[in-house]
PDB file of all heavy atoms in Angstrom:
ATOM      1  N   ALA A   1       5.922  16.387  -4.547  1.00  0.00           N
ATOM      2  CA  ALA A   1       6.854  16.918  -3.554  1.00  0.00           C
ATOM      3  C   ALA A   1       6.867  18.444  -3.536  1.00  0.00           C
ATOM      4  O   ALA A   1       7.214  19.044  -2.524  1.00  0.00           O
ATOM      5  CB  ALA A   1       8.266  16.390  -3.822  1.00  0.00           C
ATOM      6  N   ILE A   2       6.455  19.070  -4.631  1.00  0.00           N
ATOM      7  CA  ILE A   2       6.470  20.530  -4.710  1.00  0.00           C
ATOM      8  C   ILE A   2       5.230  21.114  -4.030  1.00  0.00           C
ATOM      9  O   ILE A   2       5.328  21.973  -3.156  1.00  0.00           O
ATOM     10  CB  ILE A   2       6.540  21.010  -6.183  1.00  0.00           C
ATOM     11  CG1 ILE A   2       7.676  20.303  -6.944  1.00  0.00           C
ATOM     12  CG2 ILE A   2       6.671  22.526  -6.253  1.00  0.00           C
ATOM     13  CD1 ILE A   2       9.058  20.450  -6.372  1.00  0.00           C
ATOM     14  N   THR A   3       4.044  20.634  -4.440  1.00  0.00           N
ATOM     15  CA  THR A   3       2.798  21.169  -3.877  1.00  0.00           C
ATOM     16  C   THR A   3       2.424  20.504  -2.550  1.00  0.00           C
ATOM     17  O   THR A   3       1.557  20.981  -1.832  1.00  0.00           O
ATOM     18  CB  THR A   3       1.626  20.966  -4.852  1.00  0.00           C
ATOM     19  OG1 THR A   3       1.384  19.558  -5.009  1.00  0.00           O
ATOM     20  CG2 THR A   3       1.921  21.608  -6.204  1.00  0.00           C
ATOM     21  N   GLN A   4       3.086  19.374  -2.245  1.00  0.00           N
ATOM     22  CA  GLN A   4       2.837  18.583  -1.034  1.00  0.00           C
ATOM     23  C   GLN A   4       1.417  18.006  -0.992  1.00  0.00           C
ATOM     24  O   GLN A   4       0.876  17.738   0.066  1.00  0.00           O
ATOM     25  CB  GLN A   4       3.136  19.403   0.225  1.00  0.00           C
ATOM     26  CG  GLN A   4       4.565  19.875   0.279  1.00  0.00           C
ATOM     27  CD  GLN A   4       4.889  20.685   1.501  1.00  0.00           C
ATOM     28  OE1 GLN A   4       4.181  20.647   2.498  1.00  0.00           O
ATOM     29  NE2 GLN A   4       5.971  21.424   1.436  1.00  0.00           N
ATOM     30  N   LYS A   5       0.823  17.800  -2.167  1.00  0.00           N
ATOM     31  CA  LYS A   5      -0.529  17.232  -2.270  1.00  0.00           C
ATOM     32  C   LYS A   5      -0.434  15.777  -2.748  1.00  0.00           C
ATOM     33  O   LYS A   5       0.440  15.428  -3.536  1.00  0.00           O
ATOM     34  CB  LYS A   5      -1.372  18.020  -3.277  1.00  0.00           C
ATOM     35  CG  LYS A   5      -1.488  19.496  -2.973  1.00  0.00           C
ATOM     36  CD  LYS A   5      -2.498  19.748  -1.906  1.00  0.00           C
ATOM     37  CE  LYS A   5      -2.734  21.244  -1.756  1.00  0.00           C
ATOM     38  NZ  LYS A   5      -3.095  21.651  -0.451  1.00  0.00           N
ATOM     39  N   LEU A   6      -1.378  14.960  -2.277  1.00  0.00           N
ATOM     40  CA  LEU A   6      -1.474  13.587  -2.754  1.00  0.00           C
ATOM     41  C   LEU A   6      -1.950  13.605  -4.200  1.00  0.00           C
ATOM     42  O   LEU A   6      -3.004  14.150  -4.510  1.00  0.00           O
ATOM     43  CB  LEU A   6      -2.455  12.789  -1.880  1.00  0.00           C
ATOM     44  CG  LEU A   6      -2.624  11.319  -2.235  1.00  0.00           C
ATOM     45  CD1 LEU A   6      -1.329  10.545  -2.015  1.00  0.00           C
ATOM     46  CD2 LEU A   6      -3.754  10.707  -1.405  1.00  0.00           C
ATOM     47  N   GLU A   7      -1.149  13.035  -5.106  1.00  0.00           N
ATOM     48  CA  GLU A   7      -1.489  13.020  -6.534  1.00  0.00           C
ATOM     49  C   GLU A   7      -2.431  11.871  -6.861  1.00  0.00           C
ATOM     50  O   GLU A   7      -3.422  12.049  -7.548  1.00  0.00           O
ATOM     51  CB  GLU A   7      -0.220  12.873  -7.381  1.00  0.00           C
ATOM     52  CG  GLU A   7       0.646  14.099  -7.434  1.00  0.00           C
ATOM     53  CD  GLU A   7       0.165  15.126  -8.438  1.00  0.00           C
ATOM     54  OE1 GLU A   7      -0.261  14.750  -9.546  1.00  0.00           O
ATOM     55  OE2 GLU A   7       0.215  16.316  -8.112  1.00  0.00           O
ATOM     56  N   THR A   8      -2.078  10.666  -6.376  1.00  0.00           N
ATOM     57  CA  THR A   8      -2.872   9.494  -6.714  1.00  0.00           C
ATOM     58  C   THR A   8      -2.554   8.348  -5.759  1.00  0.00           C
ATOM     59  O   THR A   8      -1.521   8.351  -5.095  1.00  0.00           O
ATOM     60  CB  THR A   8      -2.601   9.048  -8.176  1.00  0.00           C
ATOM     61  OG1 THR A   8      -3.529   8.026  -8.542  1.00  0.00           O
ATOM     62  CG2 THR A   8      -1.186   8.525  -8.355  1.00  0.00           C
ATOM     63  N   VAL A   9      -3.460   7.391  -5.725  1.00  0.00           N
ATOM     64  CA  VAL A   9      -3.220   6.124  -5.046  1.00  0.00           C
ATOM     65  C   VAL A   9      -3.412   5.035  -6.093  1.00  0.00           C
ATOM     66  O   VAL A   9      -4.514   4.868  -6.628  1.00  0.00           O
ATOM     67  CB  VAL A   9      -4.177   5.904  -3.853  1.00  0.00           C
ATOM     68  CG1 VAL A   9      -3.879   4.551  -3.195  1.00  0.00           C
ATOM     69  CG2 VAL A   9      -4.069   7.039  -2.842  1.00  0.00           C
ATOM     70  N   LEU A  10      -2.336   4.335  -6.415  1.00  0.00           N
ATOM     71  CA  LEU A  10      -2.379   3.284  -7.430  1.00  0.00           C
ATOM     72  C   LEU A  10      -2.824   1.989  -6.770  1.00  0.00           C
ATOM     73  O   LEU A  10      -2.296   1.600  -5.734  1.00  0.00           O
ATOM     74  CB  LEU A  10      -0.994   3.119  -8.056  1.00  0.00           C
ATOM     75  CG  LEU A  10      -0.387   4.396  -8.661  1.00  0.00           C
ATOM     76  CD1 LEU A  10       1.063   4.174  -9.025  1.00  0.00           C
ATOM     77  CD2 LEU A  10      -1.190   4.840  -9.872  1.00  0.00           C
ATOM     78  N   LYS A  11      -3.823   1.339  -7.395  1.00  0.00           N
ATOM     79  CA  LYS A  11      -4.399   0.143  -6.778  1.00  0.00           C
ATOM     80  C   LYS A  11      -4.342  -1.031  -7.734  1.00  0.00           C
ATOM     81  O   LYS A  11      -5.015  -1.052  -8.748  1.00  0.00           O
ATOM     82  CB  LYS A  11      -5.839   0.425  -6.357  1.00  0.00           C
ATOM     83  CG  LYS A  11      -5.930   1.498  -5.296  1.00  0.00           C
ATOM     84  CD  LYS A  11      -7.343   1.770  -4.867  1.00  0.00           C
ATOM     85  CE  LYS A  11      -7.354   2.847  -3.801  1.00  0.00           C
ATOM     86  NZ  LYS A  11      -8.690   3.187  -3.379  1.00  0.00           N
ATOM     87  N   GLU A  12      -3.524  -1.987  -7.385  1.00  0.00           N
ATOM     88  CA  GLU A  12      -3.416  -3.239  -8.134  1.00  0.00           C
ATOM     89  C   GLU A  12      -3.049  -4.375  -7.182  1.00  0.00           C
ATOM     90  O   GLU A  12      -3.386  -5.520  -7.418  1.00  0.00           O
ATOM     91  CB  GLU A  12      -2.366  -3.108  -9.247  1.00  0.00           C
ATOM     92  CG  GLU A  12      -2.172  -4.324 -10.109  1.00  0.00           C
ATOM     93  CD  GLU A  12      -3.362  -4.658 -11.003  1.00  0.00           C
ATOM     94  OE1 GLU A  12      -4.104  -3.732 -11.378  1.00  0.00           O
ATOM     95  OE2 GLU A  12      -3.557  -5.843 -11.317  1.00  0.00           O
ATOM     96  N   HIS A  13      -2.376  -4.023  -6.111  1.00  0.00           N
ATOM     97  CA  HIS A  13      -1.949  -5.015  -5.119  1.00  0.00           C
ATOM     98  C   HIS A  13      -3.103  -5.346  -4.167  1.00  0.00           C
ATOM     99  O   HIS A  13      -3.945  -4.502  -3.878  1.00  0.00           O
ATOM    100  CB  HIS A  13      -0.778  -4.469  -4.299  1.00  0.00           C
ATOM    101  CG  HIS A  13       0.458  -4.240  -5.098  1.00  0.00           C
ATOM    102  ND1 HIS A  13       1.343  -5.243  -5.428  1.00  0.00           N
ATOM    103  CD2 HIS A  13       0.969  -3.103  -5.644  1.00  0.00           C
ATOM    104  CE1 HIS A  13       2.340  -4.740  -6.128  1.00  0.00           C
ATOM    105  NE2 HIS A  13       2.138  -3.445  -6.270  1.00  0.00           N
ATOM    106  N   THR A  14      -3.094  -6.579  -3.670  1.00  0.00           N
ATOM    107  CA  THR A  14      -4.102  -6.987  -2.689  1.00  0.00           C
ATOM    108  C   THR A  14      -3.476  -7.275  -1.327  1.00  0.00           C
ATOM    109  O   THR A  14      -4.168  -7.687  -0.403  1.00  0.00           O
ATOM    110  CB  THR A  14      -4.852  -8.248  -3.174  1.00  0.00           C
ATOM    111  OG1 THR A  14      -3.896  -9.272  -3.456  1.00  0.00           O
ATOM    112  CG2 THR A  14      -5.673  -7.928  -4.416  1.00  0.00           C
ATOM    113  N   SER A  15      -2.162  -7.066  -1.207  1.00  0.00           N
ATOM    114  CA  SER A  15      -1.483  -7.222   0.079  1.00  0.00           C
ATOM    115  C   SER A  15      -0.519  -6.057   0.272  1.00  0.00           C
ATOM    116  O   SER A  15      -0.305  -5.249  -0.637  1.00  0.00           O
ATOM    117  CB  SER A  15      -0.755  -8.564   0.155  1.00  0.00           C
ATOM    118  OG  SER A  15       0.298  -8.620  -0.781  1.00  0.00           O
ATOM    119  N   GLU A  16       0.064  -5.998   1.438  1.00  0.00           N
ATOM    120  CA  GLU A  16       0.959  -4.911   1.835  1.00  0.00           C
ATOM    121  C   GLU A  16       2.073  -4.689   0.814  1.00  0.00           C
ATOM    122  O   GLU A  16       2.794  -5.609   0.435  1.00  0.00           O
ATOM    123  CB  GLU A  16       1.559  -5.278   3.190  1.00  0.00           C
ATOM    124  CG  GLU A  16       2.740  -4.484   3.633  1.00  0.00           C
ATOM    125  CD  GLU A  16       3.483  -5.207   4.742  1.00  0.00           C
ATOM    126  OE1 GLU A  16       2.838  -5.876   5.573  1.00  0.00           O
ATOM    127  OE2 GLU A  16       4.716  -5.112   4.755  1.00  0.00           O
ATOM    128  N   VAL A  17       2.226  -3.433   0.360  1.00  0.00           N
ATOM    129  CA  VAL A  17       3.287  -3.079  -0.590  1.00  0.00           C
ATOM    130  C   VAL A  17       4.538  -2.740   0.208  1.00  0.00           C
ATOM    131  O   VAL A  17       4.528  -1.854   1.050  1.00  0.00           O
ATOM    132  CB  VAL A  17       2.870  -1.912  -1.500  1.00  0.00           C
ATOM    133  CG1 VAL A  17       4.010  -1.524  -2.426  1.00  0.00           C
ATOM    134  CG2 VAL A  17       1.627  -2.286  -2.300  1.00  0.00           C
ATOM    135  N   ARG A  18       5.617  -3.468  -0.070  1.00  0.00           N
ATOM    136  CA  ARG A  18       6.835  -3.334   0.738  1.00  0.00           C
ATOM    137  C   ARG A  18       7.879  -2.397   0.138  1.00  0.00           C
ATOM    138  O   ARG A  18       8.663  -1.814   0.871  1.00  0.00           O
ATOM    139  CB  ARG A  18       7.461  -4.706   0.955  1.00  0.00           C
ATOM    140  CG  ARG A  18       6.561  -5.607   1.767  1.00  0.00           C
ATOM    141  CD  ARG A  18       7.314  -6.280   2.858  1.00  0.00           C
ATOM    142  NE  ARG A  18       6.443  -6.869   3.845  1.00  0.00           N
ATOM    143  CZ  ARG A  18       6.638  -8.059   4.368  1.00  0.00           C
ATOM    144  NH1 ARG A  18       7.648  -8.791   3.989  1.00  0.00           N
ATOM    145  NH2 ARG A  18       5.816  -8.502   5.293  1.00  0.00           N
ATOM    146  N   ALA A  19       7.927  -2.289  -1.192  1.00  0.00           N
ATOM    147  CA  ALA A  19       8.964  -1.457  -1.798  1.00  0.00           C
ATOM    148  C   ALA A  19       8.486  -0.878  -3.122  1.00  0.00           C
ATOM    149  O   ALA A  19       7.663  -1.484  -3.813  1.00  0.00           O
ATOM    150  CB  ALA A  19      10.233  -2.272  -2.019  1.00  0.00           C
ATOM    151  N   VAL A  20       9.002   0.310  -3.424  1.00  0.00           N
ATOM    152  CA  VAL A  20       8.758   0.957  -4.709  1.00  0.00           C
ATOM    153  C   VAL A  20      10.095   1.438  -5.261  1.00  0.00           C
ATOM    154  O   VAL A  20      11.031   1.691  -4.507  1.00  0.00           O
ATOM    155  CB  VAL A  20       7.778   2.151  -4.594  1.00  0.00           C
ATOM    156  CG1 VAL A  20       6.399   1.689  -4.165  1.00  0.00           C
ATOM    157  CG2 VAL A  20       8.312   3.210  -3.647  1.00  0.00           C
ATOM    158  N   SER A  21      10.171   1.562  -6.586  1.00  0.00           N
ATOM    159  CA  SER A  21      11.388   2.061  -7.219  1.00  0.00           C
ATOM    160  C   SER A  21      11.025   2.711  -8.548  1.00  0.00           C
ATOM    161  O   SER A  21      10.249   2.157  -9.322  1.00  0.00           O
ATOM    162  CB  SER A  21      12.363   0.914  -7.447  1.00  0.00           C
ATOM    163  OG  SER A  21      13.541   1.384  -8.063  1.00  0.00           O
ATOM    164  N   TRP A  22      11.578   3.886  -8.791  1.00  0.00           N
ATOM    165  CA  TRP A  22      11.364   4.596 -10.057  1.00  0.00           C
ATOM    166  C   TRP A  22      12.430   4.179 -11.054  1.00  0.00           C
ATOM    167  O   TRP A  22      13.597   4.028 -10.700  1.00  0.00           O
ATOM    168  CB  TRP A  22      11.452   6.106  -9.844  1.00  0.00           C
ATOM    169  CG  TRP A  22      10.380   6.665  -8.973  1.00  0.00           C
ATOM    170  CD1 TRP A  22      10.387   6.731  -7.614  1.00  0.00           C
ATOM    171  CD2 TRP A  22       9.141   7.249  -9.384  1.00  0.00           C
ATOM    172  NE1 TRP A  22       9.240   7.313  -7.163  1.00  0.00           N
ATOM    173  CE2 TRP A  22       8.454   7.649  -8.225  1.00  0.00           C
ATOM    174  CE3 TRP A  22       8.552   7.471 -10.637  1.00  0.00           C
ATOM    175  CZ2 TRP A  22       7.200   8.257  -8.270  1.00  0.00           C
ATOM    176  CZ3 TRP A  22       7.309   8.085 -10.681  1.00  0.00           C
ATOM    177  CH2 TRP A  22       6.645   8.465  -9.512  1.00  0.00           C
ATOM    178  N   GLN A  23      12.047   4.039 -12.322  1.00  0.00           N
ATOM    179  CA  GLN A  23      13.020   3.815 -13.384  1.00  0.00           C
ATOM    180  C   GLN A  23      13.831   5.112 -13.499  1.00  0.00           C
ATOM    181  O   GLN A  23      13.253   6.198 -13.539  1.00  0.00           O
ATOM    182  CB  GLN A  23      12.292   3.470 -14.690  1.00  0.00           C
ATOM    183  CG  GLN A  23      13.121   2.736 -15.701  1.00  0.00           C
ATOM    184  CD  GLN A  23      14.039   3.613 -16.521  1.00  0.00           C
ATOM    185  OE1 GLN A  23      13.848   4.823 -16.621  1.00  0.00           O
ATOM    186  NE2 GLN A  23      15.046   3.007 -17.112  1.00  0.00           N
ATOM    187  N   PRO A  24      15.163   5.056 -13.520  1.00  0.00           N
ATOM    188  CA  PRO A  24      15.982   6.267 -13.421  1.00  0.00           C
ATOM    189  C   PRO A  24      15.791   7.312 -14.513  1.00  0.00           C
ATOM    190  O   PRO A  24      16.080   8.478 -14.287  1.00  0.00           O
ATOM    191  CB  PRO A  24      17.416   5.738 -13.452  1.00  0.00           C
ATOM    192  CG  PRO A  24      17.321   4.314 -13.058  1.00  0.00           C
ATOM    193  CD  PRO A  24      15.975   3.837 -13.510  1.00  0.00           C
ATOM    194  N   HIS A  25      15.300   6.926 -15.714  1.00  0.00           N
ATOM    195  CA  HIS A  25      15.251   7.888 -16.813  1.00  0.00           C
ATOM    196  C   HIS A  25      13.848   8.175 -17.335  1.00  0.00           C
ATOM    197  O   HIS A  25      13.690   8.890 -18.322  1.00  0.00           O
ATOM    198  CB  HIS A  25      16.151   7.398 -17.955  1.00  0.00           C
ATOM    199  CG  HIS A  25      17.553   7.136 -17.503  1.00  0.00           C
ATOM    200  ND1 HIS A  25      18.411   8.130 -17.099  1.00  0.00           N
ATOM    201  CD2 HIS A  25      18.240   5.971 -17.340  1.00  0.00           C
ATOM    202  CE1 HIS A  25      19.571   7.607 -16.728  1.00  0.00           C
ATOM    203  NE2 HIS A  25      19.477   6.281 -16.868  1.00  0.00           N
ATOM    204  N   THR A  26      12.831   7.598 -16.683  1.00  0.00           N
ATOM    205  CA  THR A  26      11.450   7.862 -17.094  1.00  0.00           C
ATOM    206  C   THR A  26      10.612   8.015 -15.830  1.00  0.00           C
ATOM    207  O   THR A  26      11.141   8.031 -14.725  1.00  0.00           O
ATOM    208  CB  THR A  26      10.871   6.691 -17.923  1.00  0.00           C
ATOM    209  OG1 THR A  26      10.740   5.542 -17.076  1.00  0.00           O
ATOM    210  CG2 THR A  26      11.738   6.353 -19.122  1.00  0.00           C
ATOM    211  N   SER A  27       9.302   8.105 -15.996  1.00  0.00           N
ATOM    212  CA  SER A  27       8.445   8.154 -14.807  1.00  0.00           C
ATOM    213  C   SER A  27       7.725   6.826 -14.587  1.00  0.00           C
ATOM    214  O   SER A  27       6.659   6.776 -13.989  1.00  0.00           O
ATOM    215  CB  SER A  27       7.456   9.311 -14.912  1.00  0.00           C
ATOM    216  OG  SER A  27       6.684   9.186 -16.067  1.00  0.00           O
ATOM    217  N   TYR A  28       8.314   5.728 -15.053  1.00  0.00           N
ATOM    218  CA  TYR A  28       7.791   4.406 -14.741  1.00  0.00           C
ATOM    219  C   TYR A  28       8.114   4.076 -13.284  1.00  0.00           C
ATOM    220  O   TYR A  28       9.180   4.429 -12.777  1.00  0.00           O
ATOM    221  CB  TYR A  28       8.387   3.330 -15.643  1.00  0.00           C
ATOM    222  CG  TYR A  28       7.801   3.326 -17.034  1.00  0.00           C
ATOM    223  CD1 TYR A  28       8.329   4.143 -18.025  1.00  0.00           C
ATOM    224  CD2 TYR A  28       6.719   2.525 -17.343  1.00  0.00           C
ATOM    225  CE1 TYR A  28       7.789   4.145 -19.310  1.00  0.00           C
ATOM    226  CE2 TYR A  28       6.175   2.509 -18.626  1.00  0.00           C
ATOM    227  CZ  TYR A  28       6.715   3.326 -19.597  1.00  0.00           C
ATOM    228  OH  TYR A  28       6.175   3.338 -20.847  1.00  0.00           O
ATOM    229  N   LEU A  29       7.191   3.388 -12.640  1.00  0.00           N
ATOM    230  CA  LEU A  29       7.327   3.052 -11.227  1.00  0.00           C
ATOM    231  C   LEU A  29       7.070   1.558 -11.051  1.00  0.00           C
ATOM    232  O   LEU A  29       6.127   1.015 -11.624  1.00  0.00           O
ATOM    233  CB  LEU A  29       6.306   3.859 -10.417  1.00  0.00           C
ATOM    234  CG  LEU A  29       6.240   3.636  -8.910  1.00  0.00           C
ATOM    235  CD1 LEU A  29       7.523   4.100  -8.238  1.00  0.00           C
ATOM    236  CD2 LEU A  29       5.038   4.376  -8.327  1.00  0.00           C
ATOM    237  N   ALA A  30       7.922   0.901 -10.271  1.00  0.00           N
ATOM    238  CA  ALA A  30       7.716  -0.512  -9.947  1.00  0.00           C
ATOM    239  C   ALA A  30       7.378  -0.637  -8.468  1.00  0.00           C
ATOM    240  O   ALA A  30       7.868   0.128  -7.645  1.00  0.00           O
ATOM    241  CB  ALA A  30       8.972  -1.318 -10.265  1.00  0.00           C
ATOM    242  N   SER A  31       6.521  -1.600  -8.141  1.00  0.00           N
ATOM    243  CA  SER A  31       6.171  -1.862  -6.745  1.00  0.00           C
ATOM    244  C   SER A  31       6.089  -3.373  -6.536  1.00  0.00           C
ATOM    245  O   SER A  31       5.787  -4.120  -7.452  1.00  0.00           O
ATOM    246  CB  SER A  31       4.836  -1.196  -6.385  1.00  0.00           C
ATOM    247  OG  SER A  31       3.804  -1.599  -7.263  1.00  0.00           O
ATOM    248  N   VAL A  32       6.393  -3.787  -5.307  1.00  0.00           N
ATOM    249  CA  VAL A  32       6.351  -5.209  -4.987  1.00  0.00           C
ATOM    250  C   VAL A  32       5.669  -5.383  -3.632  1.00  0.00           C
ATOM    251  O   VAL A  32       5.827  -4.556  -2.741  1.00  0.00           O
ATOM    252  CB  VAL A  32       7.776  -5.827  -4.998  1.00  0.00           C
ATOM    253  CG1 VAL A  32       8.656  -5.227  -3.925  1.00  0.00           C
ATOM    254  CG2 VAL A  32       7.718  -7.330  -4.871  1.00  0.00           C
ATOM    255  N   ASP A  33       4.860  -6.457  -3.516  1.00  0.00           N
ATOM    256  CA  ASP A  33       4.100  -6.637  -2.280  1.00  0.00           C
ATOM    257  C   ASP A  33       4.541  -7.876  -1.508  1.00  0.00           C
ATOM    258  O   ASP A  33       5.403  -8.642  -1.945  1.00  0.00           O
ATOM    259  CB  ASP A  33       2.590  -6.641  -2.554  1.00  0.00           C
ATOM    260  CG  ASP A  33       2.102  -7.827  -3.361  1.00  0.00           C
ATOM    261  OD1 ASP A  33       2.706  -8.918  -3.306  1.00  0.00           O
ATOM    262  OD2 ASP A  33       1.076  -7.675  -4.058  1.00  0.00           O
ATOM    263  N   LYS A  34       3.936  -8.042  -0.362  1.00  0.00           N
ATOM    264  CA  LYS A  34       4.269  -9.123   0.568  1.00  0.00           C
ATOM    265  C   LYS A  34       4.061 -10.504  -0.052  1.00  0.00           C
ATOM    266  O   LYS A  34       4.751 -11.465   0.291  1.00  0.00           O
ATOM    267  CB  LYS A  34       3.398  -8.962   1.812  1.00  0.00           C
ATOM    268  CG  LYS A  34       3.639  -9.960   2.897  1.00  0.00           C
ATOM    269  CD  LYS A  34       2.729  -9.680   4.080  1.00  0.00           C
ATOM    270  CE  LYS A  34       2.929 -10.687   5.195  1.00  0.00           C
ATOM    271  NZ  LYS A  34       2.064 -10.401   6.334  1.00  0.00           N
ATOM    272  N   MET A  35       3.115 -10.626  -0.972  1.00  0.00           N
ATOM    273  CA  MET A  35       2.799 -11.913  -1.593  1.00  0.00           C
ATOM    274  C   MET A  35       3.619 -12.169  -2.865  1.00  0.00           C
ATOM    275  O   MET A  35       3.269 -12.987  -3.683  1.00  0.00           O
ATOM    276  CB  MET A  35       1.302 -11.999  -1.894  1.00  0.00           C
ATOM    277  CG  MET A  35       0.419 -11.803  -0.667  1.00  0.00           C
ATOM    278  SD  MET A  35       0.812 -12.893   0.715  1.00  0.00           S
ATOM    279  CE  MET A  35       0.308 -14.460   0.054  1.00  0.00           C
ATOM    280  N   LYS A  36       4.707 -11.409  -3.046  1.00  0.00           N
ATOM    281  CA  LYS A  36       5.669 -11.574  -4.139  1.00  0.00           C
ATOM    282  C   LYS A  36       5.141 -11.145  -5.498  1.00  0.00           C
ATOM    283  O   LYS A  36       5.648 -11.578  -6.534  1.00  0.00           O
ATOM    284  CB  LYS A  36       6.180 -13.011  -4.202  1.00  0.00           C
ATOM    285  CG  LYS A  36       6.793 -13.497  -2.901  1.00  0.00           C
ATOM    286  CD  LYS A  36       7.218 -14.942  -3.002  1.00  0.00           C
ATOM    287  CE  LYS A  36       7.707 -15.444  -1.663  1.00  0.00           C
ATOM    288  NZ  LYS A  36       8.043 -16.853  -1.673  1.00  0.00           N
ATOM    289  N   LYS A  37       4.134 -10.276  -5.505  1.00  0.00           N
ATOM    290  CA  LYS A  37       3.627  -9.749  -6.768  1.00  0.00           C
ATOM    291  C   LYS A  37       4.309  -8.425  -7.072  1.00  0.00           C
ATOM    292  O   LYS A  37       4.364  -7.543  -6.219  1.00  0.00           O
ATOM    293  CB  LYS A  37       2.110  -9.536  -6.672  1.00  0.00           C
ATOM    294  CG  LYS A  37       1.512  -8.948  -7.925  1.00  0.00           C
ATOM    295  CD  LYS A  37       0.009  -8.772  -7.758  1.00  0.00           C
ATOM    296  CE  LYS A  37      -0.644  -8.214  -9.003  1.00  0.00           C
ATOM    297  NZ  LYS A  37      -2.103  -8.051  -8.827  1.00  0.00           N
ATOM    298  N   ALA A  38       4.841  -8.303  -8.269  1.00  0.00           N
ATOM    299  CA  ALA A  38       5.469  -7.063  -8.719  1.00  0.00           C
ATOM    300  C   ALA A  38       4.585  -6.423  -9.786  1.00  0.00           C
ATOM    301  O   ALA A  38       4.013  -7.124 -10.628  1.00  0.00           O
ATOM    302  CB  ALA A  38       6.854  -7.334  -9.282  1.00  0.00           C
ATOM    303  N   VAL A  39       4.472  -5.109  -9.731  1.00  0.00           N
ATOM    304  CA  VAL A  39       3.687  -4.355 -10.712  1.00  0.00           C
ATOM    305  C   VAL A  39       4.561  -3.235 -11.266  1.00  0.00           C
ATOM    306  O   VAL A  39       5.257  -2.548 -10.509  1.00  0.00           O
ATOM    307  CB  VAL A  39       2.415  -3.751 -10.086  1.00  0.00           C
ATOM    308  CG1 VAL A  39       1.656  -2.904 -11.095  1.00  0.00           C
ATOM    309  CG2 VAL A  39       1.516  -4.847  -9.513  1.00  0.00           C
ATOM    310  N   VAL A  40       4.560  -3.065 -12.585  1.00  0.00           N
ATOM    311  CA  VAL A  40       5.242  -1.924 -13.209  1.00  0.00           C
ATOM    312  C   VAL A  40       4.152  -1.003 -13.716  1.00  0.00           C
ATOM    313  O   VAL A  40       3.292  -1.399 -14.508  1.00  0.00           O
ATOM    314  CB  VAL A  40       6.181  -2.367 -14.355  1.00  0.00           C
ATOM    315  CG1 VAL A  40       6.793  -1.140 -15.012  1.00  0.00           C
ATOM    316  CG2 VAL A  40       7.260  -3.302 -13.832  1.00  0.00           C
ATOM    317  N   TRP A  41       4.181   0.217 -13.215  1.00  0.00           N
ATOM    318  CA  TRP A  41       3.179   1.225 -13.575  1.00  0.00           C
ATOM    319  C   TRP A  41       3.710   2.061 -14.722  1.00  0.00           C
ATOM    320  O   TRP A  41       4.888   2.448 -14.717  1.00  0.00           O
ATOM    321  CB  TRP A  41       2.881   2.124 -12.376  1.00  0.00           C
ATOM    322  CG  TRP A  41       2.495   1.338 -11.140  1.00  0.00           C
ATOM    323  CD1 TRP A  41       3.336   0.876 -10.178  1.00  0.00           C
ATOM    324  CD2 TRP A  41       1.186   0.929 -10.765  1.00  0.00           C
ATOM    325  NE1 TRP A  41       2.621   0.195  -9.214  1.00  0.00           N
ATOM    326  CE2 TRP A  41       1.288   0.202  -9.547  1.00  0.00           C
ATOM    327  CE3 TRP A  41      -0.089   1.087 -11.326  1.00  0.00           C
ATOM    328  CZ2 TRP A  41       0.210  -0.334  -8.898  1.00  0.00           C
ATOM    329  CZ3 TRP A  41      -1.172   0.547 -10.684  1.00  0.00           C
ATOM    330  CH2 TRP A  41      -1.032  -0.161  -9.480  1.00  0.00           C
ATOM    331  N   GLY A  42       2.854   2.356 -15.699  1.00  0.00           N
ATOM    332  CA  GLY A  42       3.238   3.208 -16.824  1.00  0.00           C
ATOM    333  C   GLY A  42       3.531   4.606 -16.351  1.00  0.00           C
ATOM    334  O   GLY A  42       3.663   4.873 -15.166  1.00  0.00           O
TER     335      GLY A  42
END
């Protein structure tokens, strides 16, 4: 958000990713896709 540059594209899902959420006290990120698969990123 500071440099306005794309940092990374995380790839684990094989269908449309509908929602993401950051863990409030760390930099862990969760994502969930259309096919009901959830991924927690380190």
